[in-house]
Amino acid sequence: RGLFTAIIGGFIISALGGSRFQVGGPAGAFIVLVASIVDRHDIDGLLLATLMAGVIVFVAGLLRFGTTIKYVPHSVTVGFTFGIALIIFVSQIKELFGLTVVEPSAFLSKLGALAEALPTANMSAVVLSVLTIATIVIVKKFKPTWPAFLIAVVLASLLALLGHFNAETIASRFGGIPHGLAMPELPPMSFGLFKQLLPDALALALLGSIESLLSAVVADRMSGRSHRSNTELMAQGLANIACAFFGGIVATGTIARTATNVRAGAHGPISGMLHSAFILLFMIVAAPLAGYIPLSALAGILAVVCWNMADKGEVLRLLQSSRLAASVLAVTVILTLLVDLITGIMAGTAVYYGIKYFIREPAAQP
């Protein structure tokens, strides 16, 4: 269902959205909500909640609610981007080192579990992840116009296959990949189900809207372009409506994939549309081949993306610029790591306006 979401939702988001670089699809931020809805209402309830969320987000775009994103302070944007980069990197440590561990969901507990599992490291996975990272760095340095990520994945996959490396792959971890899209159909509906799912749909719509718009802001910062927030919301709404018909789950703009898109040299929305087309092509034609890709190679790619996402220079500049910026940055990063993205953004924004308009930060000394 995640693959269906990346194909259908991702294509619509790239084709119709207000950001030239946005890549859409399923996102980790929705895990808790999605699991809770499926637990209470089964998969049909999730499909209907996704459809309802899509309508809500589309209407929000029509009513021009997307412009509220401009009130999110710059230090909050830098802070949550840095926090998300750390979260994504930590989530890939298991695959980078081939660790045998059951990871807790809480950030600090996860760090502790990973540290304890270091003696279980798989040298095959380590070699493949290092090779992937080194290939990307070398290709970017000497042949910057070449597709470094794709070259790195192909090399790692060939080495793992021909060298008989003992490393987990997509196929060994997740089994077979679907060979095509599901046929579209309307999820079961009733007034009672609508009423029960309305709070869940509102939560999906709010989280999806915030993550999509902030992902577009990250793309703006990385590319120097500007997105159209209301157009982006309407595209997100249409994408979720379509996903519900094709058996997909909730779609949103994804920060990691969008950042990867920009760093890989994208020039416009065609790359995001091709991203969806290639996933479909792999499902139809090359599903067995995709199964040979080592998870450690994919983790290596995400490690590079995280390094590029985390704007270290801007973080240092904000920490040194003023107590207001430093406080907002710290609150946003810490709560993004320890609680969740929404809490980090809301708290950081509240601290910014609270200090700026109510406490009033002392003027900087010359």
Protein backbone atom coordinates (compact mmCIF):
# COMPACT_ATOMS: atom_id res chain seq x y z
CA ARG A 1 0.00 0.00 0.00
CA GLY A 2 2.95 2.28 0.57
CA LEU A 3 4.13 1.58 -2.98
CA PHE A 4 0.67 2.37 -4.35
CA THR A 5 0.77 5.64 -2.38
CA ALA A 6 4.19 6.58 -3.75
CA ILE A 7 3.02 5.92 -7.32
CA ILE A 8 -0.45 7.50 -7.33
CA GLY A 9 -0.07 10.13 -4.63
CA GLY A 10 3.52 10.96 -5.54
CA PHE A 11 2.72 11.53 -9.21
CA ILE A 12 -0.21 13.86 -8.48
CA ILE A 13 1.75 15.82 -5.86
CA SER A 14 4.63 16.42 -8.25
CA ALA A 15 2.44 17.11 -11.29
CA LEU A 16 -0.05 19.50 -9.69
CA GLY A 17 1.70 20.79 -6.55
CA GLY A 18 3.01 24.24 -5.77
CA SER A 19 6.62 23.13 -5.20
CA ARG A 20 8.88 22.30 -8.12
CA PHE A 21 10.82 19.74 -6.09
CA GLN A 22 8.29 18.13 -3.75
CA VAL A 23 8.30 14.32 -3.73
CA GLY A 24 5.22 12.81 -2.12
CA GLY A 25 4.26 9.46 -0.71
CA PRO A 26 3.89 7.63 2.60
CA ALA A 27 5.74 9.15 5.58
CA GLY A 28 7.00 7.85 8.90
CA ALA A 29 5.28 10.68 10.80
CA PHE A 30 1.93 8.96 10.15
CA ILE A 31 2.87 5.56 11.58
CA VAL A 32 1.14 5.97 14.93
CA LEU A 33 -2.04 7.45 13.43
CA VAL A 34 -2.27 4.89 10.64
CA ALA A 35 -1.71 1.95 12.98
CA SER A 36 -4.32 3.28 15.40
CA ILE A 37 -6.96 3.71 12.67
CA VAL A 38 -6.34 0.23 11.24
CA ASP A 39 -6.51 -1.26 14.73
CA ARG A 40 -9.91 0.33 15.39
CA HIS A 41 -11.53 0.35 11.94
CA ASP A 42 -9.52 -2.11 9.78
CA ILE A 43 -7.99 -1.13 6.44
CA ASP A 44 -11.32 0.01 4.98
CA GLY A 45 -11.58 2.59 7.76
CA LEU A 46 -8.09 3.86 6.93
CA LEU A 47 -9.00 4.22 3.25
CA LEU A 48 -12.12 6.22 4.11
CA ALA A 49 -10.19 8.39 6.61
CA THR A 50 -7.59 9.05 3.89
CA LEU A 51 -10.35 10.06 1.47
CA MET A 52 -11.91 12.39 4.05
CA ALA A 53 -8.49 13.89 4.89
CA GLY A 54 -7.92 14.53 1.20
CA VAL A 55 -11.17 16.48 0.91
CA ILE A 56 -10.31 18.52 4.03
CA VAL A 57 -6.82 19.41 2.75
CA PHE A 58 -8.15 20.35 -0.69
CA VAL A 59 -10.75 22.67 0.85
CA ALA A 60 -8.04 24.19 3.08
CA GLY A 61 -6.07 25.03 -0.05
CA LEU A 62 -9.13 26.55 -1.72
CA LEU A 63 -9.68 28.72 1.37
CA ARG A 64 -6.01 29.83 1.17
CA PHE A 65 -5.01 28.43 4.55
CA GLY A 66 -1.63 27.51 3.09
CA THR A 67 -0.38 31.07 3.48
CA THR A 68 -0.19 30.56 7.27
CA ILE A 69 3.11 28.75 6.69
CA LYS A 70 4.80 32.15 6.38
CA TYR A 71 4.27 32.68 10.12
CA VAL A 72 6.56 29.77 11.00
CA PRO A 73 9.86 31.41 12.07
CA HIS A 74 13.07 30.67 10.16
CA SER A 75 14.74 29.26 13.29
CA VAL A 76 11.87 26.75 13.65
CA THR A 77 12.30 25.62 10.04
CA VAL A 78 16.04 25.14 10.52
CA GLY A 79 15.43 23.40 13.86
CA PHE A 80 12.88 20.85 12.71
CA THR A 81 14.91 20.12 9.57
CA PHE A 82 17.97 19.44 11.73
CA GLY A 83 15.88 17.30 14.08
CA ILE A 84 14.35 15.29 11.24
CA ALA A 85 17.82 14.72 9.76
CA LEU A 86 18.99 13.31 13.11
CA ILE A 87 15.90 11.10 13.42
CA ILE A 88 16.32 9.71 9.90
CA PHE A 89 20.05 9.07 10.44
CA VAL A 90 19.49 7.27 13.74
CA SER A 91 16.75 5.18 12.09
CA GLN A 92 19.34 3.97 9.55
CA ILE A 93 22.12 2.99 11.99
CA LYS A 94 20.71 -0.52 12.27
CA GLU A 95 21.00 -1.02 8.50
CA LEU A 96 24.32 0.84 8.16
CA PHE A 97 25.97 -1.62 10.55
CA GLY A 98 23.72 -4.63 9.96
CA LEU A 99 22.80 -4.76 13.64
CA THR A 100 20.57 -7.40 15.20
CA VAL A 101 18.25 -5.35 17.39
CA VAL A 102 14.59 -4.58 18.03
CA GLU A 103 14.47 -0.78 18.04
CA PRO A 104 12.22 1.07 20.50
CA SER A 105 10.26 3.99 19.07
CA ALA A 106 11.48 6.61 21.58
CA PHE A 107 14.59 8.45 20.37
CA LEU A 108 16.75 8.11 23.50
CA SER A 109 15.73 4.48 24.05
CA LYS A 110 16.56 3.75 20.44
CA LEU A 111 20.05 5.23 20.86
CA GLY A 112 20.61 3.05 23.92
CA ALA A 113 19.41 -0.11 22.15
CA LEU A 114 21.61 0.59 19.13
CA ALA A 115 24.67 1.18 21.32
CA GLU A 116 24.10 -2.15 23.11
CA ALA A 117 23.71 -3.93 19.76
CA LEU A 118 27.00 -2.69 18.26
CA PRO A 119 28.77 -6.03 18.97
CA THR A 120 26.30 -7.69 16.54
CA ALA A 121 27.54 -5.59 13.59
CA ASN A 122 27.63 -7.36 10.23
CA MET A 123 30.85 -6.55 8.34
CA SER A 124 29.18 -7.24 4.98
CA ALA A 125 26.61 -4.53 5.68
CA VAL A 126 29.32 -2.15 6.90
CA VAL A 127 31.39 -2.66 3.72
CA LEU A 128 28.36 -2.08 1.48
CA SER A 129 27.25 1.06 3.33
CA VAL A 130 30.79 2.52 3.29
CA LEU A 131 31.11 1.69 -0.41
CA THR A 132 27.79 3.42 -1.11
CA ILE A 133 28.75 6.59 0.77
CA ALA A 134 32.24 6.68 -0.78
CA THR A 135 30.83 6.21 -4.29
CA ILE A 136 28.38 9.08 -3.84
CA VAL A 137 31.08 11.41 -2.50
CA ILE A 138 33.55 10.54 -5.29
CA VAL A 139 31.01 10.79 -8.11
CA LYS A 140 29.67 14.11 -6.76
CA LYS A 141 33.22 15.49 -6.59
CA PHE A 142 34.54 14.40 -9.97
CA LYS A 143 31.38 13.88 -12.08
CA PRO A 144 28.71 16.10 -10.46
CA THR A 145 26.27 15.71 -13.39
CA TRP A 146 26.20 11.91 -13.10
CA PRO A 147 23.43 10.18 -11.04
CA ALA A 148 25.58 9.41 -8.01
CA PHE A 149 22.84 7.75 -5.93
CA LEU A 150 21.82 5.39 -8.72
CA ILE A 151 25.43 4.47 -9.50
CA ALA A 152 26.10 3.75 -5.83
CA VAL A 153 23.05 1.49 -5.49
CA VAL A 154 23.89 -0.48 -8.65
CA LEU A 155 27.51 -1.01 -7.57
CA ALA A 156 26.51 -2.10 -4.07
CA SER A 157 23.87 -4.48 -5.43
CA LEU A 158 26.30 -6.07 -7.90
CA LEU A 159 28.96 -6.46 -5.20
CA ALA A 160 26.47 -8.01 -2.80
CA LEU A 161 25.22 -10.44 -5.47
CA LEU A 162 28.52 -11.43 -7.09
CA GLY A 163 30.52 -11.41 -3.87
CA HIS A 164 27.89 -13.46 -2.01
CA PHE A 165 27.76 -10.91 0.80
CA ASN A 166 25.77 -11.89 3.87
CA ALA A 167 23.68 -8.72 3.99
CA GLU A 168 19.95 -8.20 4.09
CA THR A 169 18.24 -7.05 0.91
CA ILE A 170 14.77 -5.72 0.07
CA ALA A 171 13.67 -9.24 -0.85
CA SER A 172 15.09 -10.97 2.22
CA ARG A 173 13.52 -8.43 4.59
CA PHE A 174 10.18 -7.65 2.94
CA GLY A 175 9.56 -10.59 0.59
CA GLY A 176 8.05 -10.13 -2.86
CA ILE A 177 7.15 -6.79 -4.42
CA PRO A 178 3.71 -6.33 -6.09
CA HIS A 179 3.76 -6.56 -9.89
CA GLY A 180 1.22 -3.81 -10.58
CA LEU A 181 -1.39 -1.42 -9.21
CA ALA A 182 -4.61 -2.46 -7.54
CA MET A 183 -7.84 -1.73 -9.40
CA PRO A 184 -9.57 1.48 -8.20
CA GLU A 185 -12.63 1.10 -6.01
CA LEU A 186 -14.56 3.25 -3.55
CA PRO A 187 -14.01 2.36 0.13
CA PRO A 188 -17.12 1.33 2.12
CA MET A 189 -19.04 4.33 3.47
CA SER A 190 -21.75 5.03 6.01
CA PHE A 191 -22.83 8.05 8.03
CA GLY A 192 -21.86 6.33 11.27
CA LEU A 193 -18.38 5.53 9.96
CA PHE A 194 -17.94 9.11 8.71
CA LYS A 195 -18.78 10.37 12.19
CA GLN A 196 -16.39 7.96 13.91
CA LEU A 197 -13.52 8.70 11.52
CA LEU A 198 -13.85 12.51 11.44
CA PRO A 199 -11.34 13.13 14.30
CA ASP A 200 -8.85 10.77 12.63
CA ALA A 201 -9.34 12.43 9.24
CA LEU A 202 -8.78 15.86 10.78
CA ALA A 203 -5.57 14.62 12.44
CA LEU A 204 -4.31 13.14 9.15
CA ALA A 205 -5.20 16.36 7.32
CA LEU A 206 -3.45 18.59 9.87
CA LEU A 207 -0.28 16.50 10.04
CA GLY A 208 -0.17 16.04 6.26
CA SER A 209 -0.65 19.76 5.60
CA ILE A 210 2.04 20.83 8.04
CA GLU A 211 4.60 18.26 6.89
CA SER A 212 3.93 18.98 3.20
CA LEU A 213 4.24 22.75 3.53
CA LEU A 214 7.34 22.54 5.70
CA SER A 215 8.89 20.06 3.27
CA ALA A 216 8.25 22.62 0.52
CA VAL A 217 9.93 25.27 2.68
CA VAL A 218 12.97 23.02 3.09
CA ALA A 219 13.09 22.58 -0.70
CA ASP A 220 12.92 26.38 -1.09
CA ARG A 221 15.87 26.82 1.26
CA MET A 222 17.92 24.19 -0.55
CA SER A 223 17.08 25.34 -4.08
CA GLY A 224 16.56 29.09 -3.78
CA ARG A 225 13.07 28.82 -5.30
CA SER A 226 9.64 29.65 -3.82
CA HIS A 227 6.62 27.37 -3.61
CA ARG A 228 2.88 28.21 -3.85
CA SER A 229 1.44 26.95 -0.57
CA ASN A 230 -2.27 26.90 -1.46
CA THR A 231 -1.64 25.10 -4.74
CA GLU A 232 0.45 22.60 -2.81
CA LEU A 233 -2.41 21.89 -0.38
CA MET A 234 -4.92 21.37 -3.18
CA ALA A 235 -2.57 18.91 -4.88
CA GLN A 236 -2.03 17.09 -1.58
CA GLY A 237 -5.80 16.83 -1.16
CA LEU A 238 -6.33 15.39 -4.65
CA ALA A 239 -3.45 12.96 -4.12
CA ASN A 240 -5.01 11.54 -0.95
CA ILE A 241 -8.43 11.21 -2.59
CA ALA A 242 -6.83 9.25 -5.44
CA CYS A 243 -4.77 7.10 -3.03
CA ALA A 244 -7.95 6.05 -1.22
CA PHE A 245 -9.44 4.80 -4.50
CA PHE A 246 -6.32 2.74 -5.36
CA GLY A 247 -5.91 1.14 -1.93
CA GLY A 248 -3.06 3.40 -0.85
CA ILE A 249 -2.53 5.03 2.52
CA VAL A 250 -2.25 8.71 3.40
CA ALA A 251 0.25 10.68 1.27
CA THR A 252 2.21 13.82 2.09
CA GLY A 253 5.25 15.73 0.95
CA THR A 254 8.25 13.83 2.35
CA ILE A 255 11.23 15.79 3.62
CA ALA A 256 13.87 13.08 3.10
CA ARG A 257 12.83 12.25 -0.47
CA THR A 258 12.33 15.91 -1.38
CA ALA A 259 15.79 16.77 -0.03
CA THR A 260 17.24 13.80 -1.94
CA ASN A 261 15.52 15.09 -5.07
CA VAL A 262 17.07 18.55 -4.74
CA ARG A 263 20.53 17.20 -3.88
CA ALA A 264 20.41 14.80 -6.82
CA GLY A 265 20.12 17.81 -9.18
CA ALA A 266 16.39 18.09 -9.93
CA HIS A 267 15.33 21.09 -12.02
CA GLY A 268 11.54 20.80 -11.83
CA PRO A 269 8.52 18.57 -11.14
CA ILE A 270 9.39 16.07 -13.89
CA SER A 271 11.85 14.30 -11.58
CA GLY A 272 9.13 13.70 -8.98
CA MET A 273 6.77 12.39 -11.65
CA LEU A 274 9.49 10.09 -12.99
CA HIS A 275 10.11 8.90 -9.42
CA SER A 276 6.55 7.54 -9.38
CA ALA A 277 6.82 6.17 -12.91
CA PHE A 278 10.05 4.34 -12.10
CA ILE A 279 8.52 2.73 -9.02
CA LEU A 280 5.65 1.47 -11.17
CA LEU A 281 8.10 0.28 -13.84
CA PHE A 282 10.15 -1.59 -11.25
CA MET A 283 6.99 -3.21 -9.90
CA ILE A 284 5.87 -4.35 -13.35
CA VAL A 285 9.19 -5.30 -14.93
CA ALA A 286 12.02 -5.44 -12.44
CA ALA A 287 10.49 -6.43 -9.10
CA PRO A 288 12.87 -9.42 -8.72
CA LEU A 289 15.90 -7.20 -9.50
CA ALA A 290 14.86 -4.53 -7.01
CA GLY A 291 14.79 -7.26 -4.41
CA TYR A 292 18.59 -7.61 -4.66
CA ILE A 293 19.25 -4.05 -3.41
CA PRO A 294 21.01 -4.22 -0.02
CA LEU A 295 19.30 -2.33 2.78
CA SER A 296 22.74 -1.09 3.88
CA ALA A 297 23.15 0.65 0.50
CA LEU A 298 19.83 2.44 0.91
CA ALA A 299 20.89 3.39 4.44
CA GLY A 300 24.13 4.81 3.02
CA ILE A 301 22.15 7.01 0.65
CA LEU A 302 19.97 8.29 3.48
CA ALA A 303 23.05 8.98 5.61
CA VAL A 304 24.36 11.27 2.85
CA VAL A 305 20.95 12.92 2.53
CA CYS A 306 20.83 13.55 6.28
CA TRP A 307 24.28 15.15 6.22
CA ASN A 308 23.12 17.49 3.46
CA MET A 309 19.74 18.20 5.07
CA ALA A 310 21.21 19.24 8.40
CA ASP A 311 22.33 22.78 7.63
CA LYS A 312 25.20 22.80 10.13
CA GLY A 313 26.42 26.28 9.17
CA GLU A 314 22.98 27.84 9.59
CA VAL A 315 22.48 26.08 12.93
CA LEU A 316 25.75 27.54 14.23
CA ARG A 317 24.86 30.97 12.87
CA LEU A 318 21.48 30.96 14.64
CA LEU A 319 23.01 29.74 17.90
CA GLN A 320 25.44 32.67 17.79
CA SER A 321 23.07 35.33 16.42
CA SER A 322 20.72 35.97 19.38
CA ARG A 323 19.23 34.35 22.47
CA LEU A 324 15.81 34.35 20.78
CA ALA A 325 17.00 32.38 17.76
CA ALA A 326 19.09 30.02 19.89
CA SER A 327 16.20 29.34 22.30
CA VAL A 328 13.71 28.68 19.51
CA LEU A 329 16.16 26.43 17.68
CA ALA A 330 16.95 24.41 20.80
CA VAL A 331 13.29 23.94 21.78
CA THR A 332 12.34 22.87 18.25
CA VAL A 333 15.18 20.37 17.88
CA ILE A 334 14.79 18.84 21.34
CA LEU A 335 11.01 18.38 21.16
CA THR A 336 11.16 17.11 17.56
CA LEU A 337 13.59 14.44 18.75
CA LEU A 338 11.94 13.55 22.04
CA VAL A 339 8.21 13.99 21.24
CA ASP A 340 7.28 14.50 17.59
CA LEU A 341 7.48 16.90 14.66
CA ILE A 342 4.21 18.72 15.33
CA THR A 343 5.04 19.33 19.00
CA GLY A 344 8.47 20.66 18.06
CA ILE A 345 7.06 23.06 15.47
CA MET A 346 4.23 24.33 17.68
CA ALA A 347 6.45 24.77 20.75
CA GLY A 348 9.21 26.49 18.78
CA THR A 349 6.74 28.87 17.18
CA ALA A 350 5.09 29.61 20.54
CA VAL A 351 8.48 30.35 22.13
CA TYR A 352 9.40 32.65 19.24
CA TYR A 353 6.26 34.79 19.43
CA GLY A 354 6.11 34.60 23.22
CA ILE A 355 9.61 36.02 23.63
CA LYS A 356 9.30 38.46 20.75
CA TYR A 357 5.98 40.08 21.68
CA PHE A 358 5.44 39.39 25.38
CA ILE A 359 8.80 39.01 27.07
CA ARG A 360 10.71 41.09 24.50
CA GLU A 361 14.29 40.03 24.05
CA PRO A 362 16.84 42.62 25.25
CA ALA A 363 18.54 44.55 22.49
CA ALA A 364 21.92 43.14 21.49
CA GLN A 365 24.94 45.03 22.80
CA PRO A 366 27.10 46.71 20.14
